[in-house]
Amino acid sequence: MNTWQPSVSVVVPVYNGEETIAECLDSLLALRYPEDRLELLVVDNGSRDSTAAVLERYDGRIVRLSESTRGPAAARNAGLRAARGEVVAFTDADCRVDPDWLTAIVAPLGDQGVGIAGGTIRAIPPANEVERFGEAIHDHRQAIEVFDPPYAITMNWASRRAVLEELHGFDEGFRRGEDVDLSYRMIQAGYTLAFAPAAVIYHRHEENLAGLFREGFQHGFYGVSALKRHEQFVQGLGHSRMDWQGYVKIGAEVLDWVRDRDRGRSRCDAVFNSGKKAGKLAGSLRFGYLTI
């Protein structure tokens, strides 16, 4: 049984989260973790809805911060700068954490060679077909233990504060994919990533096919910039860059889905991957880089 209970700062970035932030904070306040070792920081990233009014109800129980620079990387860095805990954990405003989430996610960090611990990401029940497919998109075990190079997802992430500060936090030049970038930098600095299956959070996945296509597009589009930044590292692992013929093939596959020829894939898989391929093509044109 793990007995290591470091002081922890949990950072939650929020932008226009009036509909979800209360459920997130209520779950964090119900954590089975020593109160004298726990700090909850919420970073409002310029919300224009009633988020501020919701957060006021939690005065005295959370630390409220504001960050004018837009983007989750900037918001998380603001939380990191204010954090006092030995460990900093991150989740998102549209997530709900299990009561034992924090105990489970800090456990791997008892090994100082571990740079990031990431836990299980599930759909908030009851979930429809599209939302359940979101669990495959956010399969943290696969991302950490199977992919090469591995990466962690910030909605369920913990690191020692000293390590995050050593690597200067998240790169605010990324509007998305900042978690992939920091994961790759973590590995190159000599740290490992660890999967903590008992560290469970529940996330509001996309609930319809249009949202799933959009999410796939964003994954593909912003993934290009991370790969471009870490070209030498990724190619050093034996991966090669795609040539233009590969993108002609991608374009044909996107058209195949539009014509309802999904080649036996589930409709969720077909929609998400078509969006991702289209995003890769658009990202390659935008960032001037052909991905692997």
Protein backbone atom coordinates (compact mmCIF):
# COMPACT_ATOMS: atom_id res chain seq x y z
CA MET A 1 0.00 0.00 0.00
CA ASN A 2 1.32 3.43 -0.91
CA THR A 3 2.01 5.59 2.13
CA TRP A 4 3.68 8.54 0.36
CA GLN A 5 1.42 11.56 0.69
CA PRO A 6 3.25 14.66 -0.55
CA SER A 7 1.72 18.10 -0.44
CA VAL A 8 -0.22 18.55 -3.68
CA SER A 9 -1.52 21.54 -5.62
CA VAL A 10 -4.33 20.64 -8.03
CA VAL A 11 -4.60 23.11 -10.91
CA VAL A 12 -7.81 23.48 -12.94
CA PRO A 13 -7.82 25.86 -15.93
CA VAL A 14 -11.28 27.08 -16.89
CA TYR A 15 -12.69 29.08 -19.78
CA ASN A 16 -16.46 29.63 -20.01
CA GLY A 17 -17.04 26.66 -17.74
CA GLU A 18 -20.21 27.77 -15.95
CA GLU A 19 -21.98 24.49 -16.76
CA THR A 20 -19.26 22.11 -15.57
CA ILE A 21 -16.89 23.76 -13.10
CA ALA A 22 -19.09 23.24 -10.03
CA GLU A 23 -19.26 19.48 -10.55
CA CYS A 24 -15.48 19.43 -11.02
CA LEU A 25 -14.80 21.39 -7.84
CA ASP A 26 -17.30 19.41 -5.79
CA SER A 27 -15.48 16.21 -6.76
CA LEU A 28 -12.10 17.73 -5.85
CA LEU A 29 -13.42 18.86 -2.49
CA ALA A 30 -14.56 15.27 -1.87
CA LEU A 31 -11.07 13.83 -2.40
CA ARG A 32 -9.90 11.37 0.23
CA TYR A 33 -6.61 13.15 0.80
CA PRO A 34 -5.32 15.01 3.89
CA GLU A 35 -6.72 18.55 3.75
CA ASP A 36 -3.54 20.02 5.20
CA ARG A 37 -1.60 18.61 2.24
CA LEU A 38 -4.02 19.71 -0.47
CA GLU A 39 -4.33 23.02 -2.33
CA LEU A 40 -6.95 23.64 -5.04
CA LEU A 41 -6.19 26.35 -7.61
CA VAL A 42 -8.62 27.39 -10.35
CA VAL A 43 -7.30 29.61 -13.12
CA ASP A 44 -9.95 31.62 -14.97
CA ASN A 45 -8.62 32.14 -18.49
CA GLY A 46 -10.77 35.15 -19.34
CA SER A 47 -14.23 33.58 -19.13
CA ARG A 48 -17.10 35.64 -20.53
CA ASP A 49 -19.95 33.64 -19.02
CA SER A 50 -20.93 33.18 -15.35
CA THR A 51 -17.85 31.19 -14.39
CA ALA A 52 -16.64 33.91 -11.99
CA ALA A 53 -19.98 33.90 -10.17
CA VAL A 54 -19.82 30.13 -9.76
CA LEU A 55 -16.28 30.32 -8.42
CA GLU A 56 -17.31 32.91 -5.83
CA ARG A 57 -19.38 30.22 -4.12
CA TYR A 58 -16.14 28.37 -3.38
CA ASP A 59 -14.27 31.27 -1.79
CA GLY A 60 -12.30 30.06 1.20
CA ARG A 61 -12.07 26.53 -0.18
CA ILE A 62 -10.16 27.19 -3.39
CA VAL A 63 -7.56 29.65 -4.63
CA ARG A 64 -8.92 31.72 -7.51
CA LEU A 65 -6.46 33.00 -10.10
CA SER A 66 -6.83 34.89 -13.38
CA GLU A 67 -4.70 34.62 -16.51
CA SER A 68 -5.24 37.03 -19.39
CA THR A 69 -3.00 35.18 -21.88
CA ARG A 70 -5.36 32.84 -23.67
CA GLY A 71 -4.77 29.12 -23.91
CA PRO A 72 -4.63 26.18 -21.51
CA ALA A 73 -0.81 26.22 -21.45
CA ALA A 74 -0.78 29.78 -20.09
CA ALA A 75 -3.52 28.99 -17.58
CA ARG A 76 -1.71 25.91 -16.28
CA ASN A 77 1.55 27.84 -16.01
CA ALA A 78 -0.23 30.47 -13.93
CA GLY A 79 -1.34 27.74 -11.58
CA LEU A 80 2.16 26.27 -11.51
CA ARG A 81 3.67 29.63 -10.54
CA ALA A 82 1.26 29.97 -7.63
CA ALA A 83 1.43 26.34 -6.50
CA ARG A 84 2.99 25.53 -3.14
CA GLY A 85 2.71 21.74 -3.24
CA GLU A 86 5.58 19.34 -3.76
CA VAL A 87 3.48 17.78 -6.52
CA VAL A 88 1.27 19.60 -9.03
CA ALA A 89 -1.67 17.69 -10.50
CA PHE A 90 -3.85 18.84 -13.38
CA THR A 91 -7.40 18.13 -14.41
CA ASP A 92 -9.90 20.04 -16.56
CA ALA A 93 -13.04 22.01 -15.79
CA ASP A 94 -15.20 19.48 -17.65
CA CYS A 95 -13.93 16.54 -15.57
CA ARG A 96 -15.02 14.85 -12.37
CA VAL A 97 -12.43 13.01 -10.27
CA ASP A 98 -12.78 9.81 -8.29
CA PRO A 99 -12.39 10.31 -4.50
CA ASP A 100 -9.15 8.30 -4.53
CA TRP A 101 -7.78 9.89 -7.72
CA LEU A 102 -5.11 11.98 -6.03
CA THR A 103 -3.77 9.21 -3.81
CA ALA A 104 -3.41 6.97 -6.86
CA ILE A 105 -1.85 9.50 -9.23
CA VAL A 106 0.88 10.70 -6.85
CA ALA A 107 1.98 7.13 -6.05
CA PRO A 108 4.30 6.62 -9.09
CA LEU A 109 6.04 9.92 -8.33
CA GLY A 110 7.63 8.33 -5.28
CA ASP A 111 10.19 7.23 -7.86
CA GLN A 112 12.08 10.41 -8.68
CA GLY A 113 12.87 9.09 -12.15
CA VAL A 114 9.18 9.37 -13.04
CA GLY A 115 8.44 12.76 -14.59
CA ILE A 116 4.72 12.36 -15.24
CA ALA A 117 2.02 10.10 -13.85
CA GLY A 118 -1.20 9.79 -15.83
CA GLY A 119 -4.40 8.01 -14.87
CA THR A 120 -7.48 6.43 -16.42
CA ILE A 121 -9.87 8.65 -18.40
CA ARG A 122 -13.48 7.52 -18.63
CA ALA A 123 -16.67 8.99 -20.04
CA ILE A 124 -19.13 10.51 -17.59
CA PRO A 125 -22.01 8.00 -17.31
CA PRO A 126 -24.48 7.43 -18.77
CA ALA A 127 -22.59 7.62 -22.07
CA ASN A 128 -23.79 7.17 -25.64
CA GLU A 129 -21.87 5.45 -28.43
CA VAL A 130 -19.85 8.54 -29.34
CA GLU A 131 -18.96 9.36 -25.73
CA ARG A 132 -17.84 5.77 -25.11
CA PHE A 133 -15.62 6.00 -28.18
CA GLY A 134 -13.98 8.97 -26.46
CA GLU A 135 -12.47 6.52 -24.00
CA ALA A 136 -10.52 4.99 -26.89
CA ILE A 137 -9.32 8.43 -28.02
CA HIS A 138 -8.14 9.20 -24.48
CA ASP A 139 -6.73 5.75 -23.69
CA HIS A 140 -4.00 6.84 -21.30
CA ARG A 141 -2.54 3.37 -20.85
CA GLN A 142 -1.95 3.14 -24.59
CA ALA A 143 -0.59 6.69 -24.78
CA ILE A 144 1.91 6.03 -21.99
CA GLU A 145 2.76 2.34 -22.32
CA VAL A 146 2.29 1.56 -26.03
CA PHE A 147 2.97 4.66 -28.10
CA ASP A 148 6.55 5.45 -29.08
CA PRO A 149 7.29 8.09 -28.04
CA PRO A 150 4.73 8.09 -25.21
CA TYR A 151 2.83 11.13 -24.02
CA ALA A 152 0.52 12.13 -21.17
CA ILE A 153 -2.81 13.97 -21.26
CA THR A 154 -3.23 16.99 -19.03
CA MET A 155 -6.77 16.25 -17.89
CA ASN A 156 -5.26 13.49 -15.71
CA TRP A 157 -1.63 14.36 -15.01
CA ALA A 158 0.69 14.80 -12.01
CA SER A 159 4.37 15.78 -11.78
CA ARG A 160 6.74 16.96 -9.11
CA ARG A 161 6.70 20.75 -9.07
CA ALA A 162 10.49 20.88 -9.19
CA VAL A 163 10.52 18.86 -12.41
CA LEU A 164 7.91 21.10 -14.07
CA GLU A 165 9.91 24.15 -13.06
CA GLU A 166 13.12 22.57 -14.34
CA LEU A 167 11.51 22.23 -17.78
CA HIS A 168 9.89 25.70 -17.59
CA GLY A 169 6.34 24.38 -17.63
CA PHE A 170 4.12 24.26 -20.68
CA ASP A 171 5.06 26.03 -23.91
CA GLU A 172 2.51 28.82 -24.31
CA GLY A 173 3.16 28.91 -28.04
CA PHE A 174 0.96 25.81 -28.33
CA ARG A 175 -2.80 26.40 -28.41
CA ARG A 176 -3.28 22.62 -28.24
CA GLY A 177 -0.80 19.77 -27.97
CA GLU A 178 1.18 21.44 -25.19
CA ASP A 179 0.90 18.20 -23.19
CA VAL A 180 2.53 16.22 -26.02
CA ASP A 181 5.30 18.80 -26.27
CA LEU A 182 6.03 18.71 -22.53
CA SER A 183 5.87 14.91 -22.48
CA TYR A 184 8.49 14.73 -25.22
CA ARG A 185 10.68 17.27 -23.43
CA MET A 186 10.30 15.27 -20.22
CA ILE A 187 11.53 12.10 -21.94
CA GLN A 188 14.45 13.90 -23.54
CA ALA A 189 15.43 15.24 -20.11
CA GLY A 190 15.77 11.64 -18.88
CA TYR A 191 12.47 11.15 -17.08
CA THR A 192 9.94 8.38 -17.62
CA LEU A 193 6.14 8.39 -17.79
CA ALA A 194 4.04 6.09 -15.61
CA PHE A 195 0.43 4.94 -15.98
CA ALA A 196 -1.61 4.86 -12.76
CA PRO A 197 -4.76 2.85 -13.60
CA ALA A 198 -6.49 3.50 -10.26
CA ALA A 199 -6.26 7.30 -10.76
CA VAL A 200 -9.67 7.66 -12.43
CA ILE A 201 -11.29 10.81 -13.78
CA TYR A 202 -14.53 11.17 -15.74
CA HIS A 203 -14.53 13.52 -18.74
CA ARG A 204 -17.32 15.04 -20.83
CA HIS A 205 -16.37 13.52 -24.17
CA GLU A 206 -17.86 14.72 -27.44
CA GLU A 207 -21.45 13.51 -27.68
CA ASN A 208 -22.16 13.59 -31.43
CA LEU A 209 -20.42 12.81 -34.70
CA ALA A 210 -19.90 16.44 -35.66
CA GLY A 211 -18.03 17.03 -32.42
CA LEU A 212 -16.04 13.84 -32.94
CA PHE A 213 -14.92 14.95 -36.42
CA ARG A 214 -13.94 18.34 -35.02
CA GLU A 215 -11.93 16.71 -32.22
CA GLY A 216 -10.17 14.47 -34.74
CA PHE A 217 -9.33 17.47 -36.90
CA GLN A 218 -7.85 19.32 -33.92
CA HIS A 219 -5.76 16.29 -32.91
CA GLY A 220 -4.36 16.03 -36.42
CA PHE A 221 -3.87 19.76 -36.98
CA TYR A 222 -2.11 20.63 -33.74
CA GLY A 223 -0.19 17.37 -33.62
CA VAL A 224 1.81 18.56 -36.63
CA SER A 225 3.33 21.46 -34.68
CA ALA A 226 4.47 19.14 -31.86
CA LEU A 227 6.06 16.75 -34.34
CA LYS A 228 7.78 19.62 -36.12
CA ARG A 229 9.20 20.91 -32.83
CA HIS A 230 10.57 17.47 -31.94
CA GLU A 231 11.59 16.29 -35.40
CA GLN A 232 15.08 15.07 -34.49
CA PHE A 233 13.86 13.29 -31.35
CA VAL A 234 11.04 11.48 -33.14
CA GLN A 235 13.16 10.55 -36.15
CA GLY A 236 15.83 9.30 -33.77
CA LEU A 237 13.34 6.66 -32.65
CA GLY A 238 13.22 5.29 -36.19
CA HIS A 239 10.19 7.17 -37.51
CA SER A 240 10.40 8.82 -40.91
CA ARG A 241 8.59 11.80 -42.37
CA MET A 242 5.81 11.27 -44.87
CA ASP A 243 6.24 12.46 -48.42
CA TRP A 244 3.59 14.17 -50.54
CA GLN A 245 2.41 10.85 -51.95
CA GLY A 246 1.36 9.92 -48.44
CA TYR A 247 -0.80 13.02 -48.26
CA VAL A 248 -2.41 12.29 -51.57
CA LYS A 249 -3.39 8.95 -50.04
CA ILE A 250 -4.74 10.67 -46.92
CA GLY A 251 -6.85 12.97 -49.07
CA ALA A 252 -8.27 9.97 -50.91
CA GLU A 253 -9.13 8.27 -47.61
CA VAL A 254 -10.97 11.38 -46.41
CA LEU A 255 -13.00 11.37 -49.61
CA ASP A 256 -13.70 7.68 -49.13
CA TRP A 257 -15.40 8.39 -45.83
CA VAL A 258 -17.41 11.25 -47.31
CA ARG A 259 -18.66 8.76 -49.91
CA ASP A 260 -19.63 6.34 -47.10
CA ARG A 261 -16.85 3.87 -47.88
CA ASP A 262 -15.48 3.44 -44.37
CA ARG A 263 -13.98 0.01 -45.12
CA GLY A 264 -15.69 -1.79 -42.28
CA ARG A 265 -14.67 0.61 -39.51
CA SER A 266 -17.19 1.69 -36.88
CA ARG A 267 -18.79 4.98 -37.73
CA CYS A 268 -17.12 6.66 -34.74
CA ASP A 269 -13.70 5.40 -35.81
CA ALA A 270 -14.34 6.46 -39.39
CA VAL A 271 -15.48 9.95 -38.41
CA PHE A 272 -12.69 10.62 -35.90
CA ASN A 273 -9.88 9.30 -38.10
CA SER A 274 -11.17 11.11 -41.16
CA GLY A 275 -11.13 14.32 -39.15
CA LYS A 276 -7.64 13.55 -37.89
CA LYS A 277 -6.30 12.89 -41.38
CA ALA A 278 -7.88 16.07 -42.69
CA GLY A 279 -6.36 17.94 -39.74
CA LYS A 280 -2.91 16.52 -40.48
CA LEU A 281 -3.16 17.66 -44.07
CA ALA A 282 -4.31 21.16 -43.05
CA GLY A 283 -1.65 21.31 -40.31
CA SER A 284 1.08 20.31 -42.73
CA LEU A 285 0.10 23.18 -44.99
CA ARG A 286 -0.23 25.60 -42.08
CA PHE A 287 3.03 24.72 -40.32
CA GLY A 288 5.03 23.81 -43.42
CA TYR A 289 5.87 20.34 -42.19
CA LEU A 290 4.99 16.87 -43.47
CA THR A 291 4.29 14.66 -40.47
CA ILE A 292 5.51 11.14 -39.91
